[in-house]
Amino acid sequence: MWPDRRLLDLLGIDHPIIQAPMAGAMDGALVAAVSAAGGLGSLPCAMLNADQIRAEVERIRARTDRPFGMNFFCHVPPVPDNARISAWHSRLAPYYSELGLDPHAPVPVANRTPFDAAMCELVLELKPRVTSFHFGLPEPAVVARLKGAGCIILSSATTVAEARWLAERGADAVIAQGQEAGGHRGIFLSDAVASQVGTFALVPQVADAVSVPVIAAGGIADGRGVAAAFTLGASGVQVGTAYLLTPEAKISAPHRAALAAATDDGTVLTNVFTGRPARALTNRLVAETGPISDVVPPFPLAAGPVGPLRAVAEKQGSGAFSPLWSGQAAALAGPLGAADLTRKLATDGLARLTGAGATKA
């Protein structure tokens, strides 16, 4: 009964609901729950090594035989700028002293690895239904190898130009990521964050610009958002923040509490956690060093020095230095399990599209 079944037929799923891959905030349990319920679960792989990815995929397949996706980053590794790294350490030094940490001690290296030849071989070995990307696409030859092996390719666009770029280079569907979305912006053709487009304006323009199915992302947390996305020309939706409130999500207690108390104007785009703009709830680090800082080193080098602060603060019950990723619609999400949330998003969205009303939470 969905007005556009292209995504459902492409992915082989029952509900046009994709769970956003959220690195560091989830594992295979959430993926399996969403896929088993008829949506598409997505495993974030950018912070995992090959053995960890294999273990999570095995975990998913032990729980469901339904389609799922694996997600990777396509950023270009930065050339370390010692001056900027030193400046960032200096800016954080007072916080280190406050929390009893040695500001001169070695810090962990950020473990966000771009998609490479080894990861391509791993995908070909594991054969997920979907391979999705953030920050563009791999080289054309790599995309061709994945598609030749039967992988369906998805990637995020934050502008019409990015959507066209992705479709021209082999994406089977485009995720139109509106400015409302939580986590990292998928922007890759420019760094013009100030001119990023909202979901309501972006989705219909992308749908007009490309022939592949469009997946709406950003500000969607209930059936109203699902219905609106289809009305605007989408074939499906990608939902992230609402899944962070499910019991399957692996977020800290401070993060969960902050999401439960979130308001419509409580998030900002900030680069202070990783060096790349991402939407998060405002906390002490964001308020005092950002939200956008010229001092931070490029993605992902900013994350390492923040890590020790986060670890100590979270042990004290504080999210003052944690990346509290959140979209602008967190207040619309309810405390459901991942499977129930997937089915409710689909049921309520379809009911609104057909005029049948929606169920109560």
Protein backbone atom coordinates (compact mmCIF):
# COMPACT_ATOMS: atom_id res chain seq x y z
CA MET A 1 0.00 0.00 0.00
CA TRP A 2 3.03 2.32 0.06
CA PRO A 3 2.77 4.88 -2.75
CA ASP A 4 6.37 4.19 -3.82
CA ARG A 5 7.69 0.64 -3.46
CA ARG A 6 11.01 1.13 -5.24
CA LEU A 7 13.11 1.04 -2.08
CA LEU A 8 11.19 -1.88 -0.59
CA ASP A 9 11.71 -3.93 -3.74
CA LEU A 10 15.35 -2.86 -4.11
CA LEU A 11 16.31 -3.83 -0.57
CA GLY A 12 13.92 -6.74 -0.07
CA ILE A 13 12.43 -5.33 3.14
CA ASP A 14 8.87 -5.04 4.45
CA HIS A 15 8.96 -1.49 5.83
CA PRO A 16 10.66 1.54 4.22
CA ILE A 17 12.51 2.27 7.46
CA ILE A 18 16.32 2.35 7.59
CA GLN A 19 18.04 2.59 10.95
CA ALA A 20 20.86 5.10 10.65
CA PRO A 21 24.34 3.67 11.34
CA MET A 22 25.64 5.47 14.42
CA ALA A 23 29.29 4.69 15.13
CA GLY A 24 30.11 4.28 18.80
CA ALA A 25 26.45 4.28 19.84
CA MET A 26 25.27 0.82 18.81
CA ASP A 27 26.21 -2.68 17.77
CA GLY A 28 24.75 -5.68 15.99
CA ALA A 29 21.92 -6.12 18.51
CA LEU A 30 20.19 -2.98 17.25
CA VAL A 31 20.84 -3.91 13.61
CA ALA A 32 19.33 -7.37 14.08
CA ALA A 33 16.25 -6.07 15.89
CA VAL A 34 15.44 -3.58 13.11
CA SER A 35 16.05 -6.04 10.29
CA ALA A 36 14.07 -8.80 11.98
CA ALA A 37 11.16 -6.37 12.32
CA GLY A 38 11.12 -5.74 8.57
CA GLY A 39 13.25 -2.59 8.28
CA LEU A 40 16.89 -2.30 7.31
CA GLY A 41 19.37 -2.38 10.16
CA SER A 42 22.71 -0.72 9.44
CA LEU A 43 26.00 -1.66 11.11
CA PRO A 44 28.44 1.25 11.54
CA CYS A 45 31.89 -0.10 10.67
CA ALA A 46 34.10 3.00 10.65
CA MET A 47 35.26 2.46 14.25
CA LEU A 48 35.65 -1.32 14.02
CA ASN A 49 38.49 -3.51 12.79
CA ALA A 50 37.96 -6.52 10.53
CA ASP A 51 37.65 -9.05 13.36
CA GLN A 52 35.13 -6.89 15.18
CA ILE A 53 33.07 -6.46 12.03
CA ARG A 54 33.05 -10.21 11.41
CA ALA A 55 31.90 -10.83 14.97
CA GLU A 56 29.06 -8.29 14.70
CA VAL A 57 27.91 -9.69 11.35
CA GLU A 58 27.91 -13.20 12.82
CA ARG A 59 25.86 -11.87 15.71
CA ILE A 60 23.35 -10.27 13.35
CA ARG A 61 22.98 -13.37 11.20
CA ALA A 62 22.50 -15.55 14.28
CA ARG A 63 19.40 -13.47 15.09
CA THR A 64 17.88 -12.86 11.66
CA ASP A 65 18.20 -13.86 8.01
CA ARG A 66 16.70 -10.57 6.81
CA PRO A 67 18.71 -7.97 4.84
CA PHE A 68 21.01 -5.57 6.66
CA GLY A 69 23.63 -3.00 5.71
CA MET A 70 27.24 -2.20 6.55
CA ASN A 71 28.28 1.46 6.65
CA PHE A 72 31.69 3.05 6.06
CA PHE A 73 33.27 6.51 5.90
CA CYS A 74 34.90 7.80 2.70
CA HIS A 75 36.87 10.72 4.08
CA VAL A 76 40.43 11.43 2.99
CA PRO A 77 42.81 10.92 5.93
CA PRO A 78 44.24 14.28 6.95
CA VAL A 79 47.88 15.25 6.97
CA PRO A 80 48.64 15.93 10.65
CA ASP A 81 49.16 19.61 11.39
CA ASN A 82 51.32 19.68 14.50
CA ALA A 83 50.59 23.34 15.17
CA ARG A 84 46.82 22.81 15.20
CA ILE A 85 47.09 19.62 17.22
CA SER A 86 49.23 21.46 19.77
CA ALA A 87 46.76 24.35 19.87
CA TRP A 88 43.89 21.95 20.50
CA HIS A 89 45.79 20.26 23.32
CA SER A 90 46.47 23.66 24.84
CA ARG A 91 42.81 24.62 24.62
CA LEU A 92 41.81 21.44 26.44
CA ALA A 93 44.62 21.54 29.02
CA PRO A 94 42.60 23.37 31.70
CA TYR A 95 39.95 20.64 31.53
CA TYR A 96 42.64 17.98 31.92
CA SER A 97 43.92 19.71 35.05
CA GLU A 98 40.41 20.13 36.44
CA LEU A 99 39.71 16.40 36.06
CA GLY A 100 43.09 15.34 37.45
CA LEU A 101 44.56 14.26 34.10
CA ASP A 102 48.06 14.91 32.84
CA PRO A 103 47.71 17.26 29.84
CA HIS A 104 51.07 16.05 28.52
CA ALA A 105 50.24 12.34 28.60
CA PRO A 106 49.84 10.51 25.26
CA VAL A 107 46.24 10.44 24.05
CA PRO A 108 44.47 7.70 22.08
CA VAL A 109 44.41 7.94 18.31
CA ALA A 110 40.96 8.44 16.81
CA ASN A 111 39.83 5.15 15.25
CA ARG A 112 37.69 6.34 12.37
CA THR A 113 39.17 4.62 9.34
CA PRO A 114 38.13 5.40 5.76
CA PHE A 115 36.99 2.60 3.45
CA ASP A 116 39.99 0.96 1.82
CA ALA A 117 40.97 -2.11 -0.19
CA ALA A 118 41.04 -4.35 2.88
CA MET A 119 37.53 -3.31 3.87
CA CYS A 120 36.36 -3.86 0.31
CA GLU A 121 37.62 -7.45 0.49
CA LEU A 122 35.84 -7.87 3.81
CA VAL A 123 32.53 -6.69 2.34
CA LEU A 124 32.95 -9.07 -0.58
CA GLU A 125 33.57 -11.86 1.94
CA LEU A 126 30.60 -11.05 4.18
CA LYS A 127 28.17 -10.12 1.39
CA PRO A 128 25.71 -7.80 3.14
CA ARG A 129 22.64 -6.82 1.12
CA VAL A 130 23.59 -3.14 1.41
CA THR A 131 26.87 -1.26 1.63
CA SER A 132 26.39 2.38 2.55
CA PHE A 133 28.79 5.28 2.75
CA HIS A 134 29.15 8.68 4.37
CA PHE A 135 31.23 11.53 2.89
CA GLY A 136 30.87 10.41 -0.73
CA LEU A 137 31.78 7.12 -2.40
CA PRO A 138 34.91 5.01 -2.92
CA GLU A 139 36.75 5.05 -6.24
CA PRO A 140 34.60 4.03 -9.26
CA ALA A 141 36.43 0.74 -9.69
CA VAL A 142 35.67 -0.17 -6.07
CA VAL A 143 32.01 0.74 -6.46
CA ALA A 144 31.90 -1.43 -9.59
CA ARG A 145 33.40 -4.38 -7.70
CA LEU A 146 30.84 -4.08 -4.93
CA LYS A 147 27.93 -3.77 -7.32
CA GLY A 148 29.27 -6.66 -9.38
CA ALA A 149 29.18 -8.82 -6.26
CA GLY A 150 25.52 -7.93 -5.69
CA CYS A 151 25.91 -5.17 -3.08
CA ILE A 152 23.35 -2.38 -3.19
CA ILE A 153 25.10 0.98 -2.76
CA LEU A 154 23.68 3.84 -0.68
CA SER A 155 25.29 7.14 0.30
CA SER A 156 24.32 10.44 1.90
CA ALA A 157 23.83 13.74 0.11
CA THR A 158 23.29 17.09 1.79
CA THR A 159 22.67 19.04 -1.42
CA VAL A 160 21.17 18.40 -4.85
CA ALA A 161 24.66 18.60 -6.38
CA GLU A 162 25.88 15.84 -4.06
CA ALA A 163 22.83 13.71 -4.89
CA ARG A 164 23.50 14.01 -8.61
CA TRP A 165 27.18 13.20 -8.03
CA LEU A 166 26.28 10.02 -6.14
CA ALA A 167 23.68 8.86 -8.68
CA GLU A 168 26.08 9.44 -11.57
CA ARG A 169 28.75 7.35 -9.82
CA GLY A 170 26.69 4.28 -9.08
CA ALA A 171 24.60 4.85 -5.96
CA ASP A 172 21.46 2.71 -6.17
CA ALA A 173 19.62 5.08 -3.81
CA VAL A 174 20.47 8.44 -2.27
CA ILE A 175 19.99 9.41 1.37
CA ALA A 176 18.91 13.05 1.40
CA GLN A 177 20.28 14.21 4.76
CA GLY A 178 18.57 17.38 5.91
CA GLN A 179 20.20 19.84 8.26
CA GLU A 180 17.98 18.57 11.10
CA ALA A 181 19.78 15.21 11.23
CA GLY A 182 21.91 14.23 14.20
CA GLY A 183 25.53 13.16 13.98
CA HIS A 184 28.00 13.96 11.24
CA ARG A 185 26.93 15.90 8.21
CA GLY A 186 27.49 13.83 5.07
CA ILE A 187 28.72 16.92 3.22
CA PHE A 188 31.58 16.12 0.84
CA LEU A 189 31.59 18.41 -2.22
CA SER A 190 32.21 21.54 -0.17
CA ASP A 191 32.58 22.71 3.42
CA ALA A 192 29.74 25.25 3.26
CA VAL A 193 28.00 24.13 6.43
CA ALA A 194 26.18 27.44 6.90
CA SER A 195 24.17 26.89 3.70
CA GLN A 196 23.12 23.29 4.40
CA VAL A 197 19.51 22.54 3.44
CA GLY A 198 16.64 21.38 5.67
CA THR A 199 14.89 18.07 5.01
CA PHE A 200 11.60 19.63 3.90
CA ALA A 201 13.36 21.63 1.17
CA LEU A 202 16.02 19.05 0.26
CA VAL A 203 13.97 15.90 -0.31
CA PRO A 204 11.66 17.08 -3.13
CA GLN A 205 14.52 18.80 -4.94
CA VAL A 206 16.65 15.66 -4.76
CA ALA A 207 13.67 13.54 -5.88
CA ASP A 208 13.32 15.80 -8.92
CA ALA A 209 17.04 15.67 -9.69
CA VAL A 210 17.78 11.92 -9.63
CA SER A 211 16.03 8.83 -10.96
CA VAL A 212 17.11 6.49 -8.15
CA PRO A 213 15.02 6.12 -4.96
CA VAL A 214 15.47 8.86 -2.38
CA ILE A 215 15.66 8.18 1.36
CA ALA A 216 14.74 11.11 3.60
CA ALA A 217 16.84 11.67 6.73
CA GLY A 218 16.72 14.38 9.37
CA GLY A 219 13.97 15.34 11.79
CA ILE A 220 12.02 12.07 11.36
CA ALA A 221 11.07 10.38 14.62
CA ASP A 222 7.42 9.38 14.22
CA GLY A 223 4.79 8.45 11.66
CA ARG A 224 4.13 12.07 10.76
CA GLY A 225 7.70 12.44 9.53
CA VAL A 226 7.47 9.19 7.56
CA ALA A 227 4.27 10.32 5.84
CA ALA A 228 5.71 13.75 5.11
CA ALA A 229 8.80 12.20 3.54
CA PHE A 230 6.70 10.14 1.11
CA THR A 231 4.56 13.15 0.30
CA LEU A 232 7.75 15.03 -0.60
CA GLY A 233 8.87 12.30 -2.99
CA ALA A 234 10.92 9.94 -0.85
CA SER A 235 10.77 6.16 -1.18
CA GLY A 236 11.83 5.58 2.42
CA VAL A 237 13.27 7.20 5.52
CA GLN A 238 16.42 6.87 7.59
CA VAL A 239 15.96 7.34 11.33
CA GLY A 240 18.77 7.75 13.84
CA THR A 241 18.02 9.67 17.03
CA ALA A 242 14.80 7.82 17.83
CA TYR A 243 16.75 4.55 17.84
CA LEU A 244 19.23 5.96 20.36
CA LEU A 245 16.42 5.91 22.93
CA THR A 246 15.79 2.18 22.44
CA PRO A 247 17.21 -0.27 25.01
CA GLU A 248 19.36 -1.82 22.26
CA ALA A 249 21.39 1.38 21.82
CA LYS A 250 24.81 1.40 23.54
CA ILE A 251 24.98 5.01 24.70
CA SER A 252 26.10 6.30 28.08
CA ALA A 253 23.68 7.11 30.88
CA PRO A 254 24.36 10.86 30.54
CA HIS A 255 23.65 10.70 26.81
CA ARG A 256 20.40 8.80 27.35
CA ALA A 257 19.29 11.27 30.01
CA ALA A 258 20.12 14.24 27.79
CA LEU A 259 18.10 12.77 24.91
CA ALA A 260 15.13 12.15 27.20
CA ALA A 261 15.18 15.83 28.19
CA ALA A 262 15.92 17.19 24.68
CA THR A 263 14.09 20.19 23.25
CA ASP A 264 13.66 21.39 19.69
CA ASP A 265 16.34 24.08 20.06
CA GLY A 266 18.80 22.09 22.17
CA THR A 267 21.18 20.97 19.42
CA VAL A 268 23.88 22.70 17.38
CA LEU A 269 26.24 21.85 14.57
CA THR A 270 29.66 21.49 16.15
CA ASN A 271 33.14 20.34 15.14
CA VAL A 272 34.73 20.14 18.60
CA PHE A 273 34.32 16.39 19.07
CA THR A 274 35.88 15.08 15.86
CA GLY A 275 36.94 18.03 13.71
CA ARG A 276 34.00 17.66 11.33
CA PRO A 277 30.58 19.36 11.67
CA ALA A 278 28.01 17.17 13.39
CA ARG A 279 24.75 17.83 15.20
CA ALA A 280 24.79 17.24 18.96
CA LEU A 281 23.09 18.43 22.11
CA THR A 282 24.84 21.41 23.63
CA ASN A 283 27.05 20.56 26.60
CA ARG A 284 29.94 22.21 28.38
CA LEU A 285 32.61 21.45 25.77
CA VAL A 286 30.40 22.72 22.94
CA ALA A 287 29.41 25.87 24.83
CA GLU A 288 32.93 26.79 25.94
CA THR A 289 35.04 25.84 22.91
CA GLY A 290 32.61 26.02 19.97
CA PRO A 291 30.24 25.19 18.62
CA ILE A 292 32.45 25.68 15.53
CA SER A 293 36.09 26.22 16.43
CA ASP A 294 39.01 27.17 14.19
CA VAL A 295 41.40 25.60 16.68
CA VAL A 296 40.38 21.97 16.27
CA PRO A 297 42.47 19.77 13.96
CA PRO A 298 40.77 18.14 10.96
CA PHE A 299 38.57 15.04 11.18
CA PRO A 300 39.10 12.72 12.93
CA LEU A 301 42.17 14.03 14.78
CA ALA A 302 40.21 16.23 17.18
CA ALA A 303 38.59 13.21 18.83
CA GLY A 304 41.68 11.71 20.44
CA PRO A 305 42.41 14.51 22.94
CA VAL A 306 38.73 14.71 23.92
CA GLY A 307 38.55 11.00 24.71
CA PRO A 308 40.21 11.04 28.17
CA LEU A 309 38.00 13.95 29.28
CA ARG A 310 34.92 12.09 28.18
CA ALA A 311 35.94 8.89 29.94
CA VAL A 312 36.56 10.55 33.30
CA ALA A 313 33.46 12.74 33.16
CA GLU A 314 31.16 9.86 32.22
CA LYS A 315 32.47 7.84 35.18
CA GLN A 316 31.34 10.78 37.32
CA GLY A 317 27.90 10.70 35.67
CA SER A 318 28.52 13.74 33.48
CA GLY A 319 28.14 14.21 29.74
CA ALA A 320 30.03 17.52 29.77
CA PHE A 321 32.69 16.25 27.35
CA SER A 322 30.70 13.56 25.50
CA PRO A 323 29.46 13.82 21.92
CA LEU A 324 25.73 13.81 22.68
CA TRP A 325 24.68 13.15 19.10
CA SER A 326 21.08 14.11 18.45
CA GLY A 327 18.84 15.40 15.70
CA GLN A 328 16.32 18.17 16.18
CA ALA A 329 13.35 15.81 16.65
CA ALA A 330 14.58 13.89 19.70
CA ALA A 331 11.63 15.12 21.76
CA LEU A 332 9.25 13.28 19.40
CA ALA A 333 10.79 9.88 20.11
CA GLY A 334 9.36 7.51 22.68
CA PRO A 335 10.91 4.74 24.81
CA LEU A 336 10.19 1.75 22.57
CA GLY A 337 12.25 -1.29 21.70
CA ALA A 338 13.91 -1.19 18.30
CA ALA A 339 11.56 -3.73 16.71
CA ASP A 340 8.46 -2.01 18.05
CA LEU A 341 9.76 1.38 16.95
CA THR A 342 10.41 0.09 13.43
CA ARG A 343 6.90 -1.32 13.10
CA LYS A 344 5.28 1.75 14.66
CA LEU A 345 7.09 4.15 12.33
CA ALA A 346 5.86 2.14 9.36
CA THR A 347 2.33 1.55 10.63
CA ASP A 348 1.72 5.15 11.66
CA GLY A 349 3.34 6.56 8.56
CA LEU A 350 1.23 4.42 6.25
CA ALA A 351 -1.90 5.16 8.27
CA ARG A 352 -1.38 8.88 7.85
CA LEU A 353 -0.74 8.49 4.14
CA THR A 354 -3.97 6.52 3.71
CA GLY A 355 -6.02 8.67 6.09
CA ALA A 356 -6.49 5.96 8.69
CA GLY A 357 -4.90 7.89 11.58
CA ALA A 358 -2.07 6.80 13.83
CA THR A 359 -1.68 4.63 16.91
CA LYS A 360 -0.96 5.96 20.36
CA ALA A 361 2.55 5.57 21.73
